[in-house]
């Protein structure tokens, strides 16, 4: 299964209705799979302090986790939440690193 990215605005941790459509589709894949999935929350180094970025990455990852579990019925034991703050920048532009990668 290919990873899925959910992007957030600067200082944002809330999911949009559009995000929920994609997360719902991914939830069906998770439910049918025997695998464990990682929810990797990130923030960009270009803005905010390390402390703020850690909190943002946690909030973003938890927003995706809560949607998967509480809205779409994914078994929590199939999920691992990892919040990397600004230590993990998967992309080459700050705006793209305000992200949760689900894999």
N, C-alpha and C. Protein backbone atom coordinates (compact mmCIF):
# COMPACT_ATOMS: atom_id res chain seq x y z
N UNK A 1 0.85 -1.18 0.00
CA UNK A 1 0.00 0.00 0.00
C UNK A 1 0.89 1.24 0.00
N UNK A 2 0.59 2.15 -0.89
CA UNK A 2 1.37 3.38 -0.98
C UNK A 2 1.09 4.29 0.21
N UNK A 3 2.07 5.06 0.65
CA UNK A 3 1.84 6.02 1.74
C UNK A 3 0.84 7.09 1.31
N UNK A 4 0.18 7.68 2.29
CA UNK A 4 -0.74 8.78 2.04
C UNK A 4 -0.28 9.97 2.86
N UNK A 5 -0.35 11.16 2.28
CA UNK A 5 0.04 12.39 2.97
C UNK A 5 -1.19 13.25 3.23
N UNK A 6 -1.22 13.84 4.43
CA UNK A 6 -2.25 14.80 4.80
C UNK A 6 -1.51 16.07 5.20
N UNK A 7 -1.74 17.15 4.44
CA UNK A 7 -1.04 18.41 4.70
C UNK A 7 -1.88 19.32 5.58
N UNK A 8 -1.18 20.17 6.34
CA UNK A 8 -1.81 21.09 7.27
C UNK A 8 -1.30 22.51 7.01
N UNK A 9 -2.13 23.51 7.32
CA UNK A 9 -1.65 24.89 7.23
C UNK A 9 -0.68 25.18 8.38
N UNK A 10 0.04 26.26 8.27
CA UNK A 10 0.96 26.65 9.33
C UNK A 10 0.19 26.75 10.65
N UNK A 11 0.76 26.18 11.70
CA UNK A 11 0.16 26.13 13.04
C UNK A 11 -1.14 25.34 13.11
N UNK A 12 -1.47 24.58 12.05
CA UNK A 12 -2.74 23.87 12.01
C UNK A 12 -2.65 22.41 12.41
N UNK A 13 -3.72 21.93 13.04
CA UNK A 13 -3.82 20.51 13.41
C UNK A 13 -5.20 19.94 13.08
N UNK A 14 -6.06 20.73 12.45
CA UNK A 14 -7.42 20.28 12.16
C UNK A 14 -7.52 19.70 10.76
N UNK A 15 -8.31 18.65 10.66
CA UNK A 15 -8.55 18.01 9.37
C UNK A 15 -9.72 18.68 8.65
N UNK A 16 -9.62 18.77 7.34
CA UNK A 16 -10.71 19.31 6.53
C UNK A 16 -11.63 18.17 6.10
N UNK A 17 -12.79 18.53 5.58
CA UNK A 17 -13.70 17.51 5.04
C UNK A 17 -13.03 16.75 3.90
N UNK A 18 -12.22 17.45 3.11
CA UNK A 18 -11.49 16.78 2.01
C UNK A 18 -10.51 15.76 2.56
N UNK A 19 -9.80 16.12 3.63
CA UNK A 19 -8.87 15.18 4.26
C UNK A 19 -9.61 13.94 4.75
N UNK A 20 -10.78 14.15 5.35
CA UNK A 20 -11.53 13.03 5.90
C UNK A 20 -11.98 12.04 4.83
N UNK A 21 -12.26 12.53 3.64
CA UNK A 21 -12.62 11.62 2.54
C UNK A 21 -11.45 10.69 2.24
N UNK A 22 -10.25 11.23 2.11
CA UNK A 22 -9.08 10.40 1.81
C UNK A 22 -8.73 9.49 2.98
N UNK A 23 -8.83 10.00 4.20
CA UNK A 23 -8.53 9.18 5.37
C UNK A 23 -9.54 8.03 5.48
N UNK A 24 -10.78 8.31 5.18
CA UNK A 24 -11.81 7.26 5.19
C UNK A 24 -11.52 6.17 4.19
N UNK A 25 -11.07 6.55 3.01
CA UNK A 25 -10.70 5.55 2.00
C UNK A 25 -9.52 4.72 2.47
N UNK A 26 -8.54 5.37 3.09
CA UNK A 26 -7.36 4.66 3.59
C UNK A 26 -7.74 3.77 4.76
N UNK A 27 -8.71 4.18 5.56
CA UNK A 27 -9.18 3.36 6.69
C UNK A 27 -9.68 2.01 6.20
N UNK A 28 -10.36 1.99 5.08
CA UNK A 28 -10.85 0.72 4.54
C UNK A 28 -9.70 -0.20 4.16
N UNK A 29 -8.63 0.36 3.65
CA UNK A 29 -7.43 -0.43 3.31
C UNK A 29 -6.81 -0.98 4.59
N UNK A 30 -6.71 -0.15 5.61
CA UNK A 30 -6.12 -0.59 6.88
C UNK A 30 -6.94 -1.73 7.47
N UNK A 31 -8.26 -1.59 7.46
CA UNK A 31 -9.14 -2.60 8.07
C UNK A 31 -9.01 -3.95 7.36
N UNK A 32 -8.76 -3.93 6.07
CA UNK A 32 -8.64 -5.19 5.31
C UNK A 32 -7.24 -5.79 5.40
N UNK A 33 -6.29 -5.01 5.84
CA UNK A 33 -4.89 -5.45 5.89
C UNK A 33 -4.58 -6.11 7.23
N UNK A 34 -3.63 -7.00 7.21
CA UNK A 34 -3.13 -7.60 8.45
C UNK A 34 -1.94 -6.84 9.00
N UNK A 35 -1.57 -5.75 8.35
CA UNK A 35 -0.37 -5.00 8.73
C UNK A 35 -0.67 -3.91 9.75
N UNK A 36 0.40 -3.48 10.42
CA UNK A 36 0.34 -2.32 11.30
C UNK A 36 0.78 -1.11 10.48
N UNK A 37 0.15 0.02 10.71
CA UNK A 37 0.44 1.23 9.96
C UNK A 37 1.00 2.30 10.88
N UNK A 38 1.91 3.12 10.35
CA UNK A 38 2.51 4.23 11.09
C UNK A 38 1.84 5.53 10.69
N UNK A 39 1.60 6.36 11.68
CA UNK A 39 1.10 7.71 11.47
C UNK A 39 2.24 8.62 11.91
N UNK A 40 2.93 9.20 10.94
CA UNK A 40 4.14 9.98 11.21
C UNK A 40 3.85 11.47 11.06
N UNK A 41 3.80 12.17 12.19
CA UNK A 41 3.52 13.61 12.18
C UNK A 41 4.80 14.42 12.10
N UNK A 42 4.77 15.48 11.29
CA UNK A 42 5.94 16.34 11.10
C UNK A 42 5.55 17.81 11.13
N UNK A 43 6.57 18.63 11.31
CA UNK A 43 6.46 20.09 11.22
C UNK A 43 7.71 20.58 10.51
N UNK A 44 7.67 21.82 10.04
CA UNK A 44 8.83 22.32 9.30
C UNK A 44 9.77 23.11 10.21
N UNK A 45 11.07 23.04 9.91
CA UNK A 45 12.09 23.75 10.69
C UNK A 45 12.07 25.25 10.45
N UNK A 46 11.49 25.68 9.35
CA UNK A 46 11.56 27.09 8.96
C UNK A 46 10.72 27.99 9.87
N UNK A 47 9.75 27.41 10.56
CA UNK A 47 8.89 28.22 11.43
C UNK A 47 8.74 27.53 12.78
N UNK A 48 8.55 28.29 13.81
CA UNK A 48 8.30 27.75 15.14
C UNK A 48 9.55 27.22 15.84
N UNK A 49 9.44 27.10 17.15
CA UNK A 49 10.52 26.54 17.95
C UNK A 49 10.42 25.02 17.95
N UNK A 50 11.44 24.36 18.43
CA UNK A 50 11.42 22.89 18.53
C UNK A 50 10.24 22.43 19.37
N UNK A 51 9.97 23.12 20.48
CA UNK A 51 8.88 22.74 21.37
C UNK A 51 7.52 22.88 20.66
N UNK A 52 7.33 24.00 20.00
CA UNK A 52 6.07 24.23 19.27
C UNK A 52 5.93 23.20 18.14
N UNK A 53 7.00 22.96 17.41
CA UNK A 53 6.93 22.02 16.29
C UNK A 53 6.65 20.60 16.77
N UNK A 54 7.19 20.23 17.93
CA UNK A 54 6.90 18.91 18.48
C UNK A 54 5.41 18.80 18.80
N UNK A 55 4.87 19.84 19.43
CA UNK A 55 3.46 19.84 19.78
C UNK A 55 2.58 19.80 18.53
N UNK A 56 2.96 20.55 17.50
CA UNK A 56 2.20 20.53 16.24
C UNK A 56 2.23 19.15 15.60
N UNK A 57 3.39 18.52 15.57
CA UNK A 57 3.47 17.20 14.94
C UNK A 57 2.63 16.18 15.71
N UNK A 58 2.61 16.30 17.04
CA UNK A 58 1.77 15.42 17.85
C UNK A 58 0.29 15.66 17.57
N UNK A 59 -0.10 16.93 17.51
CA UNK A 59 -1.50 17.26 17.23
C UNK A 59 -1.95 16.79 15.87
N UNK A 60 -1.09 16.91 14.89
CA UNK A 60 -1.43 16.47 13.54
C UNK A 60 -1.57 14.95 13.48
N UNK A 61 -0.60 14.25 14.05
CA UNK A 61 -0.65 12.78 14.05
C UNK A 61 -1.87 12.30 14.82
N UNK A 62 -2.16 12.91 15.96
CA UNK A 62 -3.31 12.51 16.75
C UNK A 62 -4.63 12.81 16.06
N UNK A 63 -4.69 13.87 15.27
CA UNK A 63 -5.91 14.18 14.51
C UNK A 63 -6.21 13.06 13.51
N UNK A 64 -5.17 12.58 12.83
CA UNK A 64 -5.35 11.49 11.87
C UNK A 64 -5.72 10.21 12.61
N UNK A 65 -5.01 9.92 13.70
CA UNK A 65 -5.30 8.73 14.51
C UNK A 65 -6.77 8.75 14.98
N UNK A 66 -7.19 9.87 15.56
CA UNK A 66 -8.56 9.97 16.07
C UNK A 66 -9.59 9.78 14.98
N UNK A 67 -9.34 10.33 13.80
CA UNK A 67 -10.28 10.13 12.69
C UNK A 67 -10.35 8.66 12.30
N UNK A 68 -9.19 8.03 12.18
CA UNK A 68 -9.17 6.61 11.79
C UNK A 68 -9.91 5.74 12.80
N UNK A 69 -9.66 5.97 14.08
CA UNK A 69 -10.23 5.12 15.13
C UNK A 69 -11.68 5.49 15.44
N UNK A 70 -11.92 6.77 15.69
CA UNK A 70 -13.24 7.19 16.18
C UNK A 70 -14.28 7.42 15.10
N UNK A 71 -13.85 7.86 13.93
CA UNK A 71 -14.80 8.12 12.85
C UNK A 71 -14.94 6.93 11.91
N UNK A 72 -13.83 6.23 11.67
CA UNK A 72 -13.85 5.17 10.65
C UNK A 72 -13.67 3.76 11.20
N UNK A 73 -13.56 3.61 12.51
CA UNK A 73 -13.58 2.30 13.12
C UNK A 73 -12.36 1.42 12.95
N UNK A 74 -11.19 2.03 12.75
CA UNK A 74 -9.96 1.25 12.63
C UNK A 74 -9.55 0.78 14.02
N UNK A 75 -9.09 -0.46 14.10
CA UNK A 75 -8.60 -1.05 15.35
C UNK A 75 -7.33 -0.31 15.77
N UNK A 76 -7.31 0.30 16.97
CA UNK A 76 -6.13 1.05 17.42
C UNK A 76 -4.85 0.22 17.44
N UNK A 77 -4.96 -1.09 17.61
CA UNK A 77 -3.75 -1.92 17.65
C UNK A 77 -3.07 -2.02 16.29
N UNK A 78 -3.74 -1.57 15.24
CA UNK A 78 -3.15 -1.56 13.90
C UNK A 78 -2.39 -0.26 13.61
N UNK A 79 -2.36 0.64 14.58
CA UNK A 79 -1.78 1.96 14.35
C UNK A 79 -0.66 2.27 15.34
N UNK A 80 0.35 2.95 14.84
CA UNK A 80 1.43 3.46 15.68
C UNK A 80 1.59 4.94 15.37
N UNK A 81 1.49 5.78 16.40
CA UNK A 81 1.63 7.23 16.23
C UNK A 81 3.05 7.63 16.56
N UNK A 82 3.68 8.35 15.63
CA UNK A 82 5.04 8.84 15.81
C UNK A 82 5.04 10.34 15.48
N UNK A 83 5.45 11.14 16.44
CA UNK A 83 5.52 12.59 16.23
C UNK A 83 6.99 13.01 16.26
N UNK A 84 7.49 13.49 15.13
CA UNK A 84 8.90 13.81 14.97
C UNK A 84 9.22 15.29 15.09
N UNK A 85 8.22 16.12 15.36
CA UNK A 85 8.50 17.56 15.40
C UNK A 85 9.08 18.02 14.08
N UNK A 86 10.18 18.78 14.16
CA UNK A 86 10.83 19.22 12.92
C UNK A 86 12.08 18.39 12.60
N UNK A 87 12.20 17.23 13.24
CA UNK A 87 13.36 16.34 12.99
C UNK A 87 13.19 15.52 11.72
N UNK A 88 11.99 15.45 11.21
CA UNK A 88 11.72 14.67 10.00
C UNK A 88 11.09 15.59 8.97
N UNK A 89 11.86 15.96 7.97
CA UNK A 89 11.33 16.78 6.87
C UNK A 89 11.39 15.94 5.60
N UNK A 90 10.27 15.29 5.26
CA UNK A 90 10.28 14.39 4.12
C UNK A 90 10.34 15.08 2.76
N UNK A 91 10.06 16.38 2.72
CA UNK A 91 10.00 17.09 1.44
C UNK A 91 10.96 18.28 1.44
N UNK A 92 11.17 18.87 0.27
CA UNK A 92 12.18 19.92 0.13
C UNK A 92 11.64 21.34 0.28
N UNK A 93 10.38 21.50 0.67
CA UNK A 93 9.80 22.83 0.89
C UNK A 93 9.12 22.85 2.25
N UNK A 94 9.32 23.92 3.03
CA UNK A 94 8.72 23.98 4.36
C UNK A 94 7.21 23.73 4.37
N UNK A 95 6.49 24.32 3.44
CA UNK A 95 5.03 24.17 3.41
C UNK A 95 4.62 22.70 3.26
N UNK A 96 5.44 21.90 2.61
CA UNK A 96 5.12 20.49 2.42
C UNK A 96 5.47 19.64 3.64
N UNK A 97 6.27 20.16 4.54
CA UNK A 97 6.69 19.41 5.71
C UNK A 97 5.74 19.57 6.90
N UNK A 98 4.67 20.29 6.70
CA UNK A 98 3.60 20.39 7.71
C UNK A 98 2.61 19.28 7.37
N UNK A 99 3.02 18.04 7.69
CA UNK A 99 2.36 16.88 7.10
C UNK A 99 2.29 15.70 8.07
N UNK A 100 1.33 14.85 7.81
CA UNK A 100 1.29 13.52 8.40
C UNK A 100 1.37 12.53 7.25
N UNK A 101 2.30 11.59 7.39
CA UNK A 101 2.44 10.51 6.42
C UNK A 101 1.86 9.26 7.06
N UNK A 102 0.95 8.63 6.36
CA UNK A 102 0.34 7.39 6.84
C UNK A 102 0.87 6.27 5.96
N UNK A 103 1.60 5.34 6.60
CA UNK A 103 2.18 4.23 5.82
C UNK A 103 2.18 2.94 6.61
